[in-house]
Amino acid sequence: MVESSSNYKFLFGDRLVDIHLHLLEHLIAAYYGKDKIPHLRVANTQLEKLRHLMRMCTQMKWLAPSQLEFATRELNAIGSLVGGWMRQQVLQPAYSSSNAPADSA
């Protein structure tokens, strides 16, 4: 039983790292890309996956409740930033030539 528990622990750790990397990739793609919303939606989903996996790790006694509390606070802060970025993108009018300032020449 101990061996399988350590295997699960490794798998959970590997999955957490994988999700973190996907989250980072989508945040970078949103920052540098033109179509930000799809990347921000995926990033938001990745954050939710991390929240659930962290809770499961705590239930399995691999994380202390204080560690979960810290991680949850940080993930919620990142989620608030991503949500704000998404709202800003939805509300921001698309720049077009009709919005460009007229030349005064």
N, C-alpha and C. Protein backbone atom coordinates (compact mmCIF):
# COMPACT_ATOMS: atom_id res chain seq x y z
N MET A 1 0.83 -1.20 0.00
CA MET A 1 0.00 0.00 0.00
C MET A 1 0.86 1.25 0.00
N VAL A 2 1.99 1.22 0.70
CA VAL A 2 2.86 2.39 0.77
C VAL A 2 3.41 2.73 -0.61
N GLU A 3 3.77 1.67 -1.37
CA GLU A 3 4.33 1.90 -2.70
C GLU A 3 3.30 2.57 -3.61
N SER A 4 2.06 2.12 -3.59
CA SER A 4 1.04 2.72 -4.44
C SER A 4 0.74 4.15 -4.01
N SER A 5 0.82 4.41 -2.71
CA SER A 5 0.60 5.77 -2.23
C SER A 5 1.67 6.71 -2.75
N SER A 6 2.91 6.25 -2.77
CA SER A 6 3.99 7.10 -3.29
C SER A 6 3.86 7.28 -4.80
N ASN A 7 3.34 6.24 -5.49
CA ASN A 7 3.10 6.38 -6.93
C ASN A 7 2.04 7.43 -7.20
N TYR A 8 0.96 7.41 -6.41
CA TYR A 8 -0.08 8.43 -6.56
C TYR A 8 0.47 9.82 -6.27
N LYS A 9 1.28 9.90 -5.26
CA LYS A 9 1.87 11.19 -4.89
C LYS A 9 2.72 11.72 -6.05
N PHE A 10 3.51 10.86 -6.66
CA PHE A 10 4.30 11.28 -7.82
C PHE A 10 3.41 11.71 -8.96
N LEU A 11 2.35 10.94 -9.24
CA LEU A 11 1.44 11.28 -10.34
C LEU A 11 0.75 12.61 -10.10
N PHE A 12 0.31 12.86 -8.87
CA PHE A 12 -0.32 14.13 -8.55
C PHE A 12 0.67 15.28 -8.71
N GLY A 13 1.89 15.08 -8.23
CA GLY A 13 2.92 16.12 -8.36
C GLY A 13 3.23 16.41 -9.82
N ASP A 14 3.34 15.36 -10.61
CA ASP A 14 3.60 15.52 -12.04
C ASP A 14 2.46 16.26 -12.72
N ARG A 15 1.24 15.92 -12.34
CA ARG A 15 0.07 16.58 -12.93
C ARG A 15 0.01 18.06 -12.54
N LEU A 16 0.34 18.36 -11.28
CA LEU A 16 0.35 19.75 -10.83
C LEU A 16 1.36 20.58 -11.63
N VAL A 17 2.53 20.02 -11.85
CA VAL A 17 3.56 20.73 -12.63
C VAL A 17 3.07 20.92 -14.07
N ASP A 18 2.48 19.88 -14.64
CA ASP A 18 1.98 19.96 -16.01
C ASP A 18 0.93 21.06 -16.16
N ILE A 19 0.01 21.13 -15.21
CA ILE A 19 -1.05 22.16 -15.27
C ILE A 19 -0.44 23.55 -15.07
N HIS A 20 0.52 23.67 -14.16
CA HIS A 20 1.20 24.96 -13.98
C HIS A 20 1.84 25.44 -15.29
N LEU A 21 2.50 24.52 -15.97
CA LEU A 21 3.16 24.89 -17.24
C LEU A 21 2.14 25.29 -18.30
N HIS A 22 1.03 24.56 -18.39
CA HIS A 22 -0.02 24.94 -19.35
C HIS A 22 -0.61 26.31 -19.01
N LEU A 23 -0.80 26.56 -17.74
CA LEU A 23 -1.30 27.86 -17.30
C LEU A 23 -0.34 28.97 -17.74
N LEU A 24 0.93 28.77 -17.48
CA LEU A 24 1.94 29.77 -17.86
C LEU A 24 1.96 29.98 -19.38
N GLU A 25 1.90 28.89 -20.14
CA GLU A 25 1.90 29.00 -21.60
C GLU A 25 0.72 29.83 -22.11
N HIS A 26 -0.44 29.61 -21.54
CA HIS A 26 -1.63 30.35 -22.00
C HIS A 26 -1.60 31.81 -21.55
N LEU A 27 -1.05 32.07 -20.39
CA LEU A 27 -0.92 33.47 -19.97
C LEU A 27 0.06 34.22 -20.87
N ILE A 28 1.15 33.57 -21.24
CA ILE A 28 2.11 34.19 -22.16
C ILE A 28 1.48 34.39 -23.53
N ALA A 29 0.75 33.39 -24.02
CA ALA A 29 0.09 33.52 -25.32
C ALA A 29 -0.95 34.64 -25.29
N ALA A 30 -1.66 34.79 -24.18
CA ALA A 30 -2.64 35.87 -24.07
C ALA A 30 -1.94 37.22 -24.05
N TYR A 31 -0.81 37.30 -23.38
CA TYR A 31 -0.09 38.57 -23.28
C TYR A 31 0.42 39.03 -24.64
N TYR A 32 0.97 38.11 -25.41
CA TYR A 32 1.59 38.49 -26.68
C TYR A 32 0.67 38.33 -27.89
N GLY A 33 -0.43 37.59 -27.77
CA GLY A 33 -1.30 37.34 -28.90
C GLY A 33 -2.37 38.40 -29.08
N LYS A 34 -2.99 38.39 -30.23
CA LYS A 34 -4.06 39.34 -30.51
C LYS A 34 -5.39 38.85 -29.92
N ASP A 35 -5.66 37.55 -30.05
CA ASP A 35 -6.92 36.99 -29.57
C ASP A 35 -6.69 36.44 -28.16
N LYS A 36 -6.89 37.27 -27.17
CA LYS A 36 -6.54 36.94 -25.79
C LYS A 36 -7.59 36.08 -25.08
N ILE A 37 -8.86 36.29 -25.39
CA ILE A 37 -9.96 35.66 -24.65
C ILE A 37 -9.84 34.13 -24.61
N PRO A 38 -9.61 33.43 -25.73
CA PRO A 38 -9.52 31.96 -25.64
C PRO A 38 -8.41 31.50 -24.70
N HIS A 39 -7.28 32.17 -24.74
CA HIS A 39 -6.17 31.79 -23.86
C HIS A 39 -6.50 32.08 -22.39
N LEU A 40 -7.19 33.17 -22.15
CA LEU A 40 -7.56 33.50 -20.78
C LEU A 40 -8.60 32.53 -20.23
N ARG A 41 -9.49 32.07 -21.09
CA ARG A 41 -10.47 31.06 -20.66
C ARG A 41 -9.78 29.75 -20.28
N VAL A 42 -8.83 29.34 -21.10
CA VAL A 42 -8.08 28.11 -20.78
C VAL A 42 -7.29 28.31 -19.49
N ALA A 43 -6.68 29.47 -19.33
CA ALA A 43 -5.93 29.74 -18.10
C ALA A 43 -6.84 29.67 -16.88
N ASN A 44 -8.04 30.19 -17.01
CA ASN A 44 -9.01 30.14 -15.92
C ASN A 44 -9.37 28.69 -15.58
N THR A 45 -9.54 27.87 -16.60
CA THR A 45 -9.83 26.45 -16.39
C THR A 45 -8.65 25.76 -15.70
N GLN A 46 -7.44 26.10 -16.10
CA GLN A 46 -6.25 25.51 -15.48
C GLN A 46 -6.17 25.88 -14.00
N LEU A 47 -6.53 27.10 -13.67
CA LEU A 47 -6.54 27.52 -12.27
C LEU A 47 -7.53 26.69 -11.47
N GLU A 48 -8.68 26.43 -12.05
CA GLU A 48 -9.69 25.63 -11.35
C GLU A 48 -9.19 24.20 -11.15
N LYS A 49 -8.53 23.65 -12.14
CA LYS A 49 -7.94 22.31 -11.99
C LYS A 49 -6.93 22.30 -10.85
N LEU A 50 -6.10 23.32 -10.78
CA LEU A 50 -5.11 23.40 -9.70
C LEU A 50 -5.79 23.45 -8.34
N ARG A 51 -6.86 24.22 -8.22
CA ARG A 51 -7.58 24.31 -6.94
C ARG A 51 -8.07 22.94 -6.50
N HIS A 52 -8.66 22.20 -7.44
CA HIS A 52 -9.20 20.88 -7.11
C HIS A 52 -8.09 19.89 -6.76
N LEU A 53 -7.02 19.90 -7.52
CA LEU A 53 -5.91 18.98 -7.22
C LEU A 53 -5.27 19.29 -5.88
N MET A 54 -5.16 20.57 -5.55
CA MET A 54 -4.58 20.94 -4.25
C MET A 54 -5.48 20.43 -3.12
N ARG A 55 -6.80 20.55 -3.29
CA ARG A 55 -7.72 20.02 -2.26
C ARG A 55 -7.57 18.52 -2.12
N MET A 56 -7.44 17.84 -3.24
CA MET A 56 -7.27 16.38 -3.20
C MET A 56 -5.96 16.01 -2.51
N CYS A 57 -4.91 16.77 -2.77
CA CYS A 57 -3.62 16.50 -2.11
C CYS A 57 -3.74 16.69 -0.60
N THR A 58 -4.52 17.65 -0.18
CA THR A 58 -4.73 17.86 1.25
C THR A 58 -5.54 16.71 1.85
N GLN A 59 -6.54 16.24 1.13
CA GLN A 59 -7.33 15.10 1.61
C GLN A 59 -6.47 13.84 1.74
N MET A 60 -5.48 13.71 0.85
CA MET A 60 -4.59 12.55 0.90
C MET A 60 -3.47 12.74 1.92
N LYS A 61 -3.48 13.88 2.60
CA LYS A 61 -2.49 14.21 3.65
C LYS A 61 -1.09 14.48 3.09
N TRP A 62 -1.03 14.89 1.81
CA TRP A 62 0.25 15.26 1.21
C TRP A 62 0.54 16.74 1.40
N LEU A 63 -0.47 17.51 1.69
CA LEU A 63 -0.34 18.93 1.98
C LEU A 63 -1.00 19.22 3.32
N ALA A 64 -0.39 20.10 4.07
CA ALA A 64 -1.00 20.54 5.32
C ALA A 64 -2.11 21.54 5.00
N PRO A 65 -3.11 21.64 5.86
CA PRO A 65 -4.17 22.62 5.63
C PRO A 65 -3.64 24.04 5.46
N SER A 66 -2.58 24.38 6.18
CA SER A 66 -2.01 25.73 6.04
C SER A 66 -1.39 25.92 4.65
N GLN A 67 -0.84 24.87 4.08
CA GLN A 67 -0.29 24.96 2.73
C GLN A 67 -1.40 25.13 1.70
N LEU A 68 -2.50 24.41 1.91
CA LEU A 68 -3.65 24.56 1.02
C LEU A 68 -4.21 25.97 1.12
N GLU A 69 -4.28 26.49 2.33
CA GLU A 69 -4.80 27.85 2.52
C GLU A 69 -3.94 28.87 1.77
N PHE A 70 -2.63 28.74 1.88
CA PHE A 70 -1.73 29.65 1.18
C PHE A 70 -1.90 29.53 -0.34
N ALA A 71 -1.90 28.28 -0.83
CA ALA A 71 -2.03 28.06 -2.28
C ALA A 71 -3.37 28.58 -2.79
N THR A 72 -4.42 28.35 -2.03
CA THR A 72 -5.75 28.81 -2.43
C THR A 72 -5.80 30.33 -2.52
N ARG A 73 -5.21 31.00 -1.54
CA ARG A 73 -5.17 32.48 -1.58
C ARG A 73 -4.45 32.96 -2.83
N GLU A 74 -3.31 32.35 -3.14
CA GLU A 74 -2.53 32.77 -4.31
C GLU A 74 -3.29 32.46 -5.61
N LEU A 75 -3.88 31.28 -5.70
CA LEU A 75 -4.64 30.92 -6.90
C LEU A 75 -5.85 31.83 -7.08
N ASN A 76 -6.50 32.19 -5.98
CA ASN A 76 -7.63 33.12 -6.07
C ASN A 76 -7.18 34.50 -6.54
N ALA A 77 -6.03 34.95 -6.08
CA ALA A 77 -5.50 36.25 -6.53
C ALA A 77 -5.20 36.21 -8.02
N ILE A 78 -4.58 35.13 -8.48
CA ILE A 78 -4.29 34.99 -9.91
C ILE A 78 -5.60 34.92 -10.69
N GLY A 79 -6.58 34.18 -10.17
CA GLY A 79 -7.89 34.09 -10.83
C GLY A 79 -8.57 35.43 -10.94
N SER A 80 -8.44 36.26 -9.91
CA SER A 80 -9.03 37.61 -9.97
C SER A 80 -8.37 38.44 -11.05
N LEU A 81 -7.06 38.32 -11.18
CA LEU A 81 -6.34 39.06 -12.22
C LEU A 81 -6.75 38.58 -13.62
N VAL A 82 -6.84 37.27 -13.79
CA VAL A 82 -7.25 36.72 -15.09
C VAL A 82 -8.68 37.15 -15.41
N GLY A 83 -9.57 37.09 -14.42
CA GLY A 83 -10.95 37.51 -14.64
C GLY A 83 -11.06 38.98 -15.00
N GLY A 84 -10.28 39.82 -14.34
CA GLY A 84 -10.25 41.24 -14.67
C GLY A 84 -9.73 41.49 -16.07
N TRP A 85 -8.71 40.73 -16.45
CA TRP A 85 -8.13 40.85 -17.79
C TRP A 85 -9.18 40.45 -18.83
N MET A 86 -9.93 39.39 -18.54
CA MET A 86 -10.98 38.95 -19.48
C MET A 86 -12.06 40.02 -19.61
N ARG A 87 -12.50 40.57 -18.48
CA ARG A 87 -13.54 41.63 -18.53
C ARG A 87 -13.03 42.83 -19.31
N GLN A 88 -11.78 43.20 -19.11
CA GLN A 88 -11.20 44.34 -19.82
C GLN A 88 -11.18 44.08 -21.32
N GLN A 89 -10.89 42.85 -21.72
CA GLN A 89 -10.85 42.51 -23.15
C GLN A 89 -12.24 42.53 -23.77
N VAL A 90 -13.23 42.10 -23.02
CA VAL A 90 -14.61 42.09 -23.53
C VAL A 90 -15.14 43.51 -23.66
N LEU A 91 -14.83 44.35 -22.70
CA LEU A 91 -15.37 45.71 -22.69
C LEU A 91 -14.60 46.67 -23.60
N GLN A 92 -13.35 46.33 -23.89
CA GLN A 92 -12.50 47.21 -24.71
C GLN A 92 -12.99 47.17 -26.16
N PRO A 93 -13.35 48.33 -26.70
CA PRO A 93 -13.78 48.34 -28.11
C PRO A 93 -12.61 48.00 -29.02
N ALA A 94 -12.90 47.24 -30.04
CA ALA A 94 -11.86 46.87 -31.00
C ALA A 94 -11.38 48.12 -31.72
N TYR A 95 -10.08 48.24 -31.85
CA TYR A 95 -9.51 49.39 -32.53
C TYR A 95 -9.69 49.21 -34.02
N SER A 96 -10.24 50.21 -34.65
CA SER A 96 -10.42 50.16 -36.11
C SER A 96 -10.04 51.50 -36.70
N SER A 97 -10.01 51.55 -38.00
CA SER A 97 -9.61 52.80 -38.65
C SER A 97 -10.65 53.90 -38.41
N SER A 98 -11.89 53.52 -38.14
CA SER A 98 -12.91 54.54 -37.87
C SER A 98 -12.69 55.18 -36.50
N ASN A 99 -11.97 54.51 -35.61
CA ASN A 99 -11.67 55.05 -34.30
C ASN A 99 -10.37 55.86 -34.29
N ALA A 100 -9.63 55.76 -35.36
CA ALA A 100 -8.33 56.44 -35.41
C ALA A 100 -8.54 57.95 -35.48
N PRO A 101 -7.67 58.71 -34.84
CA PRO A 101 -7.80 60.17 -34.90
C PRO A 101 -7.54 60.68 -36.31
N ALA A 102 -8.30 61.69 -36.70
CA ALA A 102 -8.16 62.26 -38.04
C ALA A 102 -6.92 63.15 -38.10
N ASP A 103 -6.25 63.15 -39.24
CA ASP A 103 -5.09 64.02 -39.42
C ASP A 103 -5.56 65.45 -39.55
N SER A 104 -4.82 66.35 -38.93
CA SER A 104 -5.19 67.78 -38.97
C SER A 104 -4.46 68.51 -40.08
N ALA A 105 -3.89 67.79 -41.03
CA ALA A 105 -3.11 68.43 -42.10
C ALA A 105 -3.94 68.95 -43.20
